Amino acid sequence: MAQYCRRRSGEEFEPQNVWQVLKHGGGSVMVWGCMTSAGWGRLVLIEGTMDAELYCSVLEEGLLTTLDDLKINRSDIIFQQDNDPKHKSR
């Protein structure tokens, strides 16, 4: 959200006119999401290290519930992903 204020010329860097912001080092968040021709899918928060077991549960929570939400038949989709080993695990 942008914020604007009026200042006189030459006042932009005075201490009362500067708002310090931490841009890096504030942590990270990993999420999984999907999109379909019928709309956006669910966003799933991933906590911890992603492994094959967690990936399968993320797919159940994210992909399968998205298909149900959007009333998409599971046999009508083409599911694409990269070649990460955990994506190909049985």
PDB file of N, CA and C in Angstrom:
ATOM      1  N   MET A   1       0.839  -1.167   0.000  1.00  0.00           N
ATOM      2  CA  MET A   1       0.000   0.000   0.000  1.00  0.00           C
ATOM      3  C   MET A   1       0.886   1.233   0.000  1.00  0.00           C
ATOM      4  N   ALA A   2       0.695   2.066  -0.973  1.00  0.00           N
ATOM      5  CA  ALA A   2       1.524   3.265  -1.099  1.00  0.00           C
ATOM      6  C   ALA A   2       1.008   4.363  -0.167  1.00  0.00           C
ATOM      7  N   GLN A   3       1.947   5.119   0.366  1.00  0.00           N
ATOM      8  CA  GLN A   3       1.608   6.273   1.188  1.00  0.00           C
ATOM      9  C   GLN A   3       2.288   7.491   0.597  1.00  0.00           C
ATOM     10  N   TYR A   4       1.594   8.589   0.584  1.00  0.00           N
ATOM     11  CA  TYR A   4       2.120   9.817   0.019  1.00  0.00           C
ATOM     12  C   TYR A   4       2.065  10.927   1.060  1.00  0.00           C
ATOM     13  N   CYS A   5       2.990  11.866   0.956  1.00  0.00           N
ATOM     14  CA  CYS A   5       2.954  13.052   1.804  1.00  0.00           C
ATOM     15  C   CYS A   5       3.578  14.211   1.036  1.00  0.00           C
ATOM     16  N   ARG A   6       3.213  15.424   1.422  1.00  0.00           N
ATOM     17  CA  ARG A   6       3.764  16.614   0.781  1.00  0.00           C
ATOM     18  C   ARG A   6       4.933  17.125   1.602  1.00  0.00           C
ATOM     19  N   ARG A   7       6.005  17.491   0.898  1.00  0.00           N
ATOM     20  CA  ARG A   7       7.177  18.077   1.549  1.00  0.00           C
ATOM     21  C   ARG A   7       7.664  19.240   0.716  1.00  0.00           C
ATOM     22  N   ARG A   8       8.349  20.146   1.372  1.00  0.00           N
ATOM     23  CA  ARG A   8       8.970  21.234   0.634  1.00  0.00           C
ATOM     24  C   ARG A   8      10.222  20.708  -0.051  1.00  0.00           C
ATOM     25  N   SER A   9      10.653  21.392  -1.078  1.00  0.00           N
ATOM     26  CA  SER A   9      11.860  21.012  -1.801  1.00  0.00           C
ATOM     27  C   SER A   9      13.054  20.964  -0.853  1.00  0.00           C
ATOM     28  N   GLY A  10      13.811  19.856  -0.906  1.00  0.00           N
ATOM     29  CA  GLY A  10      14.991  19.702  -0.070  1.00  0.00           C
ATOM     30  C   GLY A  10      14.728  19.058   1.280  1.00  0.00           C
ATOM     31  N   GLU A  11      13.471  18.756   1.620  1.00  0.00           N
ATOM     32  CA  GLU A  11      13.140  18.160   2.920  1.00  0.00           C
ATOM     33  C   GLU A  11      12.983  16.639   2.866  1.00  0.00           C
ATOM     34  N   GLU A  12      13.100  16.031   1.698  1.00  0.00           N
ATOM     35  CA  GLU A  12      12.763  14.610   1.569  1.00  0.00           C
ATOM     36  C   GLU A  12      13.609  13.675   2.414  1.00  0.00           C
ATOM     37  N   PHE A  13      14.860  14.066   2.743  1.00  0.00           N
ATOM     38  CA  PHE A  13      15.717  13.173   3.510  1.00  0.00           C
ATOM     39  C   PHE A  13      15.916  13.615   4.951  1.00  0.00           C
ATOM     40  N   GLU A  14      15.132  14.529   5.431  1.00  0.00           N
ATOM     41  CA  GLU A  14      15.200  14.898   6.839  1.00  0.00           C
ATOM     42  C   GLU A  14      14.646  13.739   7.671  1.00  0.00           C
ATOM     43  N   PRO A  15      15.219  13.515   8.877  1.00  0.00           N
ATOM     44  CA  PRO A  15      14.836  12.329   9.680  1.00  0.00           C
ATOM     45  C   PRO A  15      13.334  12.151   9.868  1.00  0.00           C
ATOM     46  N   GLN A  16      12.588  13.195  10.070  1.00  0.00           N
ATOM     47  CA  GLN A  16      11.139  13.055  10.289  1.00  0.00           C
ATOM     48  C   GLN A  16      10.395  12.656   9.012  1.00  0.00           C
ATOM     49  N   ASN A  17      11.079  12.722   7.861  1.00  0.00           N
ATOM     50  CA  ASN A  17      10.440  12.382   6.589  1.00  0.00           C
ATOM     51  C   ASN A  17      10.900  11.054   6.013  1.00  0.00           C
ATOM     52  N   VAL A  18      11.706  10.300   6.757  1.00  0.00           N
ATOM     53  CA  VAL A  18      12.230   9.027   6.261  1.00  0.00           C
ATOM     54  C   VAL A  18      11.666   7.890   7.112  1.00  0.00           C
ATOM     55  N   TRP A  19      11.142   6.893   6.456  1.00  0.00           N
ATOM     56  CA  TRP A  19      10.594   5.722   7.127  1.00  0.00           C
ATOM     57  C   TRP A  19      11.510   4.555   6.779  1.00  0.00           C
ATOM     58  N   GLN A  20      12.192   4.003   7.766  1.00  0.00           N
ATOM     59  CA  GLN A  20      13.115   2.916   7.523  1.00  0.00           C
ATOM     60  C   GLN A  20      12.354   1.598   7.408  1.00  0.00           C
ATOM     61  N   VAL A  21      12.765   0.791   6.450  1.00  0.00           N
ATOM     62  CA  VAL A  21      12.112  -0.479   6.182  1.00  0.00           C
ATOM     63  C   VAL A  21      13.174  -1.560   6.062  1.00  0.00           C
ATOM     64  N   LEU A  22      12.947  -2.697   6.705  1.00  0.00           N
ATOM     65  CA  LEU A  22      13.834  -3.848   6.580  1.00  0.00           C
ATOM     66  C   LEU A  22      13.406  -4.635   5.352  1.00  0.00           C
ATOM     67  N   LYS A  23      14.283  -4.704   4.358  1.00  0.00           N
ATOM     68  CA  LYS A  23      13.913  -5.355   3.109  1.00  0.00           C
ATOM     69  C   LYS A  23      14.355  -6.807   3.020  1.00  0.00           C
ATOM     70  N   HIS A  24      15.412  -7.160   3.721  1.00  0.00           N
ATOM     71  CA  HIS A  24      15.925  -8.528   3.626  1.00  0.00           C
ATOM     72  C   HIS A  24      16.198  -9.055   5.030  1.00  0.00           C
ATOM     73  N   GLY A  25      16.215 -10.356   5.152  1.00  0.00           N
ATOM     74  CA  GLY A  25      16.536 -10.961   6.433  1.00  0.00           C
ATOM     75  C   GLY A  25      15.349 -11.111   7.356  1.00  0.00           C
ATOM     76  N   GLY A  26      14.153 -10.887   6.851  1.00  0.00           N
ATOM     77  CA  GLY A  26      12.968 -10.968   7.682  1.00  0.00           C
ATOM     78  C   GLY A  26      12.327 -12.342   7.721  1.00  0.00           C
ATOM     79  N   GLY A  27      12.954 -13.348   7.129  1.00  0.00           N
ATOM     80  CA  GLY A  27      12.377 -14.684   7.123  1.00  0.00           C
ATOM     81  C   GLY A  27      11.864 -15.056   5.748  1.00  0.00           C
ATOM     82  N   SER A  28      11.234 -16.196   5.664  1.00  0.00           N
ATOM     83  CA  SER A  28      10.704 -16.644   4.382  1.00  0.00           C
ATOM     84  C   SER A  28       9.460 -17.495   4.611  1.00  0.00           C
ATOM     85  N   VAL A  29       8.681 -17.605   3.568  1.00  0.00           N
ATOM     86  CA  VAL A  29       7.469 -18.408   3.592  1.00  0.00           C
ATOM     87  C   VAL A  29       7.448 -19.221   2.307  1.00  0.00           C
ATOM     88  N   MET A  30       7.153 -20.518   2.412  1.00  0.00           N
ATOM     89  CA  MET A  30       7.034 -21.350   1.225  1.00  0.00           C
ATOM     90  C   MET A  30       5.569 -21.758   1.088  1.00  0.00           C
ATOM     91  N   VAL A  31       5.051 -21.594  -0.117  1.00  0.00           N
ATOM     92  CA  VAL A  31       3.666 -21.972  -0.391  1.00  0.00           C
ATOM     93  C   VAL A  31       3.604 -22.772  -1.680  1.00  0.00           C
ATOM     94  N   TRP A  32       2.549 -23.532  -1.817  1.00  0.00           N
ATOM     95  CA  TRP A  32       2.266 -24.264  -3.043  1.00  0.00           C
ATOM     96  C   TRP A  32       0.935 -23.749  -3.555  1.00  0.00           C
ATOM     97  N   GLY A  33       0.836 -23.563  -4.852  1.00  0.00           N
ATOM     98  CA  GLY A  33      -0.416 -23.111  -5.432  1.00  0.00           C
ATOM     99  C   GLY A  33      -0.593 -23.683  -6.824  1.00  0.00           C
ATOM    100  N   CYS A  34      -1.788 -23.533  -7.367  1.00  0.00           N
ATOM    101  CA  CYS A  34      -2.056 -24.015  -8.719  1.00  0.00           C
ATOM    102  C   CYS A  34      -3.060 -23.094  -9.397  1.00  0.00           C
ATOM    103  N   MET A  35      -3.145 -23.235 -10.714  1.00  0.00           N
ATOM    104  CA  MET A  35      -4.134 -22.490 -11.486  1.00  0.00           C
ATOM    105  C   MET A  35      -4.734 -23.424 -12.526  1.00  0.00           C
ATOM    106  N   THR A  36      -5.954 -23.149 -12.859  1.00  0.00           N
ATOM    107  CA  THR A  36      -6.654 -23.955 -13.855  1.00  0.00           C
ATOM    108  C   THR A  36      -7.349 -23.018 -14.831  1.00  0.00           C
ATOM    109  N   SER A  37      -7.888 -23.587 -15.883  1.00  0.00           N
ATOM    110  CA  SER A  37      -8.652 -22.764 -16.823  1.00  0.00           C
ATOM    111  C   SER A  37      -9.946 -22.269 -16.186  1.00  0.00           C
ATOM    112  N   ALA A  38     -10.370 -22.908 -15.094  1.00  0.00           N
ATOM    113  CA  ALA A  38     -11.596 -22.511 -14.404  1.00  0.00           C
ATOM    114  C   ALA A  38     -11.341 -21.502 -13.277  1.00  0.00           C
ATOM    115  N   GLY A  39     -10.076 -21.252 -12.953  1.00  0.00           N
ATOM    116  CA  GLY A  39      -9.772 -20.290 -11.895  1.00  0.00           C
ATOM    117  C   GLY A  39      -8.558 -20.685 -11.080  1.00  0.00           C
ATOM    118  N   TRP A  40      -8.258 -19.850 -10.100  1.00  0.00           N
ATOM    119  CA  TRP A  40      -7.112 -20.082  -9.216  1.00  0.00           C
ATOM    120  C   TRP A  40      -7.420 -21.185  -8.227  1.00  0.00           C
ATOM    121  N   GLY A  41      -6.383 -21.926  -7.881  1.00  0.00           N
ATOM    122  CA  GLY A  41      -6.528 -22.994  -6.906  1.00  0.00           C
ATOM    123  C   GLY A  41      -6.199 -22.521  -5.505  1.00  0.00           C
ATOM    124  N   ARG A  42      -6.243 -23.453  -4.592  1.00  0.00           N
ATOM    125  CA  ARG A  42      -5.926 -23.155  -3.196  1.00  0.00           C
ATOM    126  C   ARG A  42      -4.434 -22.904  -3.024  1.00  0.00           C
ATOM    127  N   LEU A  43      -4.101 -22.110  -2.020  1.00  0.00           N
ATOM    128  CA  LEU A  43      -2.722 -21.848  -1.648  1.00  0.00           C
ATOM    129  C   LEU A  43      -2.451 -22.613  -0.365  1.00  0.00           C
ATOM    130  N   VAL A  44      -1.399 -23.435  -0.363  1.00  0.00           N
ATOM    131  CA  VAL A  44      -1.085 -24.280   0.785  1.00  0.00           C
ATOM    132  C   VAL A  44       0.226 -23.821   1.393  1.00  0.00           C
ATOM    133  N   LEU A  45       0.208 -23.520   2.678  1.00  0.00           N
ATOM    134  CA  LEU A  45       1.414 -23.142   3.405  1.00  0.00           C
ATOM    135  C   LEU A  45       2.238 -24.393   3.680  1.00  0.00           C
ATOM    136  N   ILE A  46       3.531 -24.337   3.354  1.00  0.00           N
ATOM    137  CA  ILE A  46       4.415 -25.478   3.560  1.00  0.00           C
ATOM    138  C   ILE A  46       5.324 -25.168   4.738  1.00  0.00           C
ATOM    139  N   GLU A  47       5.211 -25.980   5.762  1.00  0.00           N
ATOM    140  CA  GLU A  47       6.036 -25.792   6.948  1.00  0.00           C
ATOM    141  C   GLU A  47       7.066 -26.910   7.005  1.00  0.00           C
ATOM    142  N   GLY A  48       8.318 -26.542   7.191  1.00  0.00           N
ATOM    143  CA  GLY A  48       9.387 -27.532   7.269  1.00  0.00           C
ATOM    144  C   GLY A  48       9.992 -27.809   5.909  1.00  0.00           C
ATOM    145  N   THR A  49      10.742 -28.881   5.846  1.00  0.00           N
ATOM    146  CA  THR A  49      11.437 -29.265   4.623  1.00  0.00           C
ATOM    147  C   THR A  49      10.530 -30.129   3.761  1.00  0.00           C
ATOM    148  N   MET A  50      10.437 -29.775   2.498  1.00  0.00           N
ATOM    149  CA  MET A  50       9.587 -30.530   1.580  1.00  0.00           C
ATOM    150  C   MET A  50      10.246 -31.862   1.250  1.00  0.00           C
ATOM    151  N   ASP A  51       9.532 -32.937   1.492  1.00  0.00           N
ATOM    152  CA  ASP A  51       9.964 -34.265   1.087  1.00  0.00           C
ATOM    153  C   ASP A  51       8.791 -34.918   0.362  1.00  0.00           C
ATOM    154  N   ALA A  52       8.967 -36.156  -0.085  1.00  0.00           N
ATOM    155  CA  ALA A  52       7.937 -36.827  -0.872  1.00  0.00           C
ATOM    156  C   ALA A  52       6.624 -36.956  -0.097  1.00  0.00           C
ATOM    157  N   GLU A  53       6.702 -37.288   1.166  1.00  0.00           N
ATOM    158  CA  GLU A  53       5.491 -37.461   1.974  1.00  0.00           C
ATOM    159  C   GLU A  53       4.734 -36.146   2.128  1.00  0.00           C
ATOM    160  N   LEU A  54       5.463 -35.074   2.427  1.00  0.00           N
ATOM    161  CA  LEU A  54       4.831 -33.757   2.555  1.00  0.00           C
ATOM    162  C   LEU A  54       4.265 -33.310   1.223  1.00  0.00           C
ATOM    163  N   TYR A  55       4.981 -33.573   0.134  1.00  0.00           N
ATOM    164  CA  TYR A  55       4.500 -33.185  -1.185  1.00  0.00           C
ATOM    165  C   TYR A  55       3.180 -33.878  -1.510  1.00  0.00           C
ATOM    166  N   CYS A  56       3.073 -35.157  -1.193  1.00  0.00           N
ATOM    167  CA  CYS A  56       1.819 -35.877  -1.430  1.00  0.00           C
ATOM    168  C   CYS A  56       0.672 -35.283  -0.619  1.00  0.00           C
ATOM    169  N   SER A  57       0.932 -34.911   0.624  1.00  0.00           N
ATOM    170  CA  SER A  57      -0.132 -34.310   1.436  1.00  0.00           C
ATOM    171  C   SER A  57      -0.501 -32.923   0.921  1.00  0.00           C
ATOM    172  N   VAL A  58       0.474 -32.181   0.416  1.00  0.00           N
ATOM    173  CA  VAL A  58       0.192 -30.866  -0.173  1.00  0.00           C
ATOM    174  C   VAL A  58      -0.688 -31.027  -1.404  1.00  0.00           C
ATOM    175  N   LEU A  59      -0.406 -32.038  -2.224  1.00  0.00           N
ATOM    176  CA  LEU A  59      -1.237 -32.281  -3.402  1.00  0.00           C
ATOM    177  C   LEU A  59      -2.659 -32.656  -3.005  1.00  0.00           C
ATOM    178  N   GLU A  60      -2.793 -33.477  -1.980  1.00  0.00           N
ATOM    179  CA  GLU A  60      -4.139 -33.836  -1.509  1.00  0.00           C
ATOM    180  C   GLU A  60      -4.886 -32.601  -1.027  1.00  0.00           C
ATOM    181  N   GLU A  61      -4.205 -31.792  -0.222  1.00  0.00           N
ATOM    182  CA  GLU A  61      -4.851 -30.604   0.346  1.00  0.00           C
ATOM    183  C   GLU A  61      -5.078 -29.518  -0.690  1.00  0.00           C
ATOM    184  N   GLY A  62      -4.111 -29.319  -1.570  1.00  0.00           N
ATOM    185  CA  GLY A  62      -4.195 -28.219  -2.519  1.00  0.00           C
ATOM    186  C   GLY A  62      -4.853 -28.580  -3.833  1.00  0.00           C
ATOM    187  N   LEU A  63      -4.283 -29.551  -4.515  1.00  0.00           N
ATOM    188  CA  LEU A  63      -4.763 -29.895  -5.854  1.00  0.00           C
ATOM    189  C   LEU A  63      -6.128 -30.567  -5.822  1.00  0.00           C
ATOM    190  N   LEU A  64      -6.260 -31.622  -5.047  1.00  0.00           N
ATOM    191  CA  LEU A  64      -7.520 -32.375  -5.073  1.00  0.00           C
ATOM    192  C   LEU A  64      -8.691 -31.554  -4.554  1.00  0.00           C
ATOM    193  N   THR A  65      -8.471 -30.755  -3.519  1.00  0.00           N
ATOM    194  CA  THR A  65      -9.574 -29.910  -3.027  1.00  0.00           C
ATOM    195  C   THR A  65      -9.891 -28.792  -4.020  1.00  0.00           C
ATOM    196  N   THR A  66      -8.868 -28.302  -4.736  1.00  0.00           N
ATOM    197  CA  THR A  66      -9.127 -27.301  -5.777  1.00  0.00           C
ATOM    198  C   THR A  66     -10.007 -27.885  -6.867  1.00  0.00           C
ATOM    199  N   LEU A  67      -9.685 -29.095  -7.300  1.00  0.00           N
ATOM    200  CA  LEU A  67     -10.497 -29.737  -8.333  1.00  0.00           C
ATOM    201  C   LEU A  67     -11.932 -29.916  -7.865  1.00  0.00           C
ATOM    202  N   ASP A  68     -12.098 -30.298  -6.605  1.00  0.00           N
ATOM    203  CA  ASP A  68     -13.452 -30.436  -6.053  1.00  0.00           C
ATOM    204  C   ASP A  68     -14.149 -29.074  -5.969  1.00  0.00           C
ATOM    205  N   ASP A  69     -13.431 -28.054  -5.488  1.00  0.00           N
ATOM    206  CA  ASP A  69     -14.008 -26.710  -5.368  1.00  0.00           C
ATOM    207  C   ASP A  69     -14.498 -26.187  -6.716  1.00  0.00           C
ATOM    208  N   LEU A  70     -13.692 -26.398  -7.753  1.00  0.00           N
ATOM    209  CA  LEU A  70     -14.004 -25.865  -9.077  1.00  0.00           C
ATOM    210  C   LEU A  70     -14.805 -26.836  -9.933  1.00  0.00           C
ATOM    211  N   LYS A  71     -15.174 -27.974  -9.334  1.00  0.00           N
ATOM    212  CA  LYS A  71     -15.976 -29.003 -10.016  1.00  0.00           C
ATOM    213  C   LYS A  71     -15.312 -29.454 -11.325  1.00  0.00           C
ATOM    214  N   ILE A  72     -14.022 -29.762 -11.224  1.00  0.00           N
ATOM    215  CA  ILE A  72     -13.252 -30.253 -12.361  1.00  0.00           C
ATOM    216  C   ILE A  72     -13.046 -31.751 -12.185  1.00  0.00           C
ATOM    217  N   ASN A  73     -13.324 -32.507 -13.221  1.00  0.00           N
ATOM    218  CA  ASN A  73     -13.139 -33.954 -13.198  1.00  0.00           C
ATOM    219  C   ASN A  73     -11.640 -34.258 -13.219  1.00  0.00           C
ATOM    220  N   ARG A  74     -11.187 -35.098 -12.331  1.00  0.00           N
ATOM    221  CA  ARG A  74      -9.754 -35.413 -12.218  1.00  0.00           C
ATOM    222  C   ARG A  74      -9.196 -36.010 -13.498  1.00  0.00           C
ATOM    223  N   SER A  75      -9.997 -36.701 -14.271  1.00  0.00           N
ATOM    224  CA  SER A  75      -9.510 -37.316 -15.512  1.00  0.00           C
ATOM    225  C   SER A  75      -9.384 -36.293 -16.644  1.00  0.00           C
ATOM    226  N   ASP A  76      -9.873 -35.078 -16.432  1.00  0.00           N
ATOM    227  CA  ASP A  76      -9.831 -34.048 -17.470  1.00  0.00           C
ATOM    228  C   ASP A  76      -8.645 -33.100 -17.347  1.00  0.00           C
ATOM    229  N   ILE A  77      -7.750 -33.330 -16.409  1.00  0.00           N
ATOM    230  CA  ILE A  77      -6.660 -32.375 -16.199  1.00  0.00           C
ATOM    231  C   ILE A  77      -5.334 -32.902 -16.746  1.00  0.00           C
ATOM    232  N   ILE A  78      -4.436 -31.968 -17.013  1.00  0.00           N
ATOM    233  CA  ILE A  78      -3.043 -32.272 -17.315  1.00  0.00           C
ATOM    234  C   ILE A  78      -2.246 -31.622 -16.200  1.00  0.00           C
ATOM    235  N   PHE A  79      -1.603 -32.439 -15.394  1.00  0.00           N
ATOM    236  CA  PHE A  79      -0.855 -31.934 -14.240  1.00  0.00           C
ATOM    237  C   PHE A  79       0.605 -31.814 -14.626  1.00  0.00           C
ATOM    238  N   GLN A  80       1.170 -30.616 -14.504  1.00  0.00           N
ATOM    239  CA  GLN A  80       2.561 -30.386 -14.864  1.00  0.00           C
ATOM    240  C   GLN A  80       3.366 -29.994 -13.634  1.00  0.00           C
ATOM    241  N   GLN A  81       4.596 -30.470 -13.567  1.00  0.00           N
ATOM    242  CA  GLN A  81       5.502 -30.127 -12.479  1.00  0.00           C
ATOM    243  C   GLN A  81       6.929 -30.273 -12.996  1.00  0.00           C
ATOM    244  N   ASP A  82       7.906 -29.807 -12.218  1.00  0.00           N
ATOM    245  CA  ASP A  82       9.294 -29.927 -12.668  1.00  0.00           C
ATOM    246  C   ASP A  82       9.860 -31.296 -12.303  1.00  0.00           C
ATOM    247  N   ASN A  83      11.139 -31.487 -12.556  1.00  0.00           N
ATOM    248  CA  ASN A  83      11.754 -32.802 -12.358  1.00  0.00           C
ATOM    249  C   ASN A  83      12.392 -32.981 -10.994  1.00  0.00           C
ATOM    250  N   ASP A  84      11.924 -32.289  -9.999  1.00  0.00           N
ATOM    251  CA  ASP A  84      12.452 -32.470  -8.646  1.00  0.00           C
ATOM    252  C   ASP A  84      12.210 -33.930  -8.228  1.00  0.00           C
ATOM    253  N   PRO A  85      13.212 -34.591  -7.642  1.00  0.00           N
ATOM    254  CA  PRO A  85      13.054 -36.012  -7.269  1.00  0.00           C
ATOM    255  C   PRO A  85      11.845 -36.299  -6.400  1.00  0.00           C
ATOM    256  N   LYS A  86      11.502 -35.411  -5.480  1.00  0.00           N
ATOM    257  CA  LYS A  86      10.347 -35.689  -4.618  1.00  0.00           C
ATOM    258  C   LYS A  86       9.045 -35.665  -5.407  1.00  0.00           C
ATOM    259  N   HIS A  87       9.017 -35.003  -6.560  1.00  0.00           N
ATOM    260  CA  HIS A  87       7.822 -34.981  -7.386  1.00  0.00           C
ATOM    261  C   HIS A  87       7.616 -36.288  -8.116  1.00  0.00           C
ATOM    262  N   LYS A  88       8.659 -37.063  -8.260  1.00  0.00           N
ATOM    263  CA  LYS A  88       8.562 -38.326  -8.995  1.00  0.00           C
ATOM    264  C   LYS A  88       8.550 -39.543  -8.075  1.00  0.00           C
ATOM    265  N   SER A  89       8.564 -39.320  -6.775  1.00  0.00           N
ATOM    266  CA  SER A  89       8.618 -40.459  -5.849  1.00  0.00           C
ATOM    267  C   SER A  89       7.298 -41.224  -5.850  1.00  0.00           C
ATOM    268  N   ARG A  90       7.368 -42.456  -5.489  1.00  0.00           N
ATOM    269  CA  ARG A  90       6.147 -43.267  -5.453  1.00  0.00           C
ATOM    270  C   ARG A  90       5.529 -43.192  -4.082  1.00  0.00           C
TER     271      ARG A  90
END
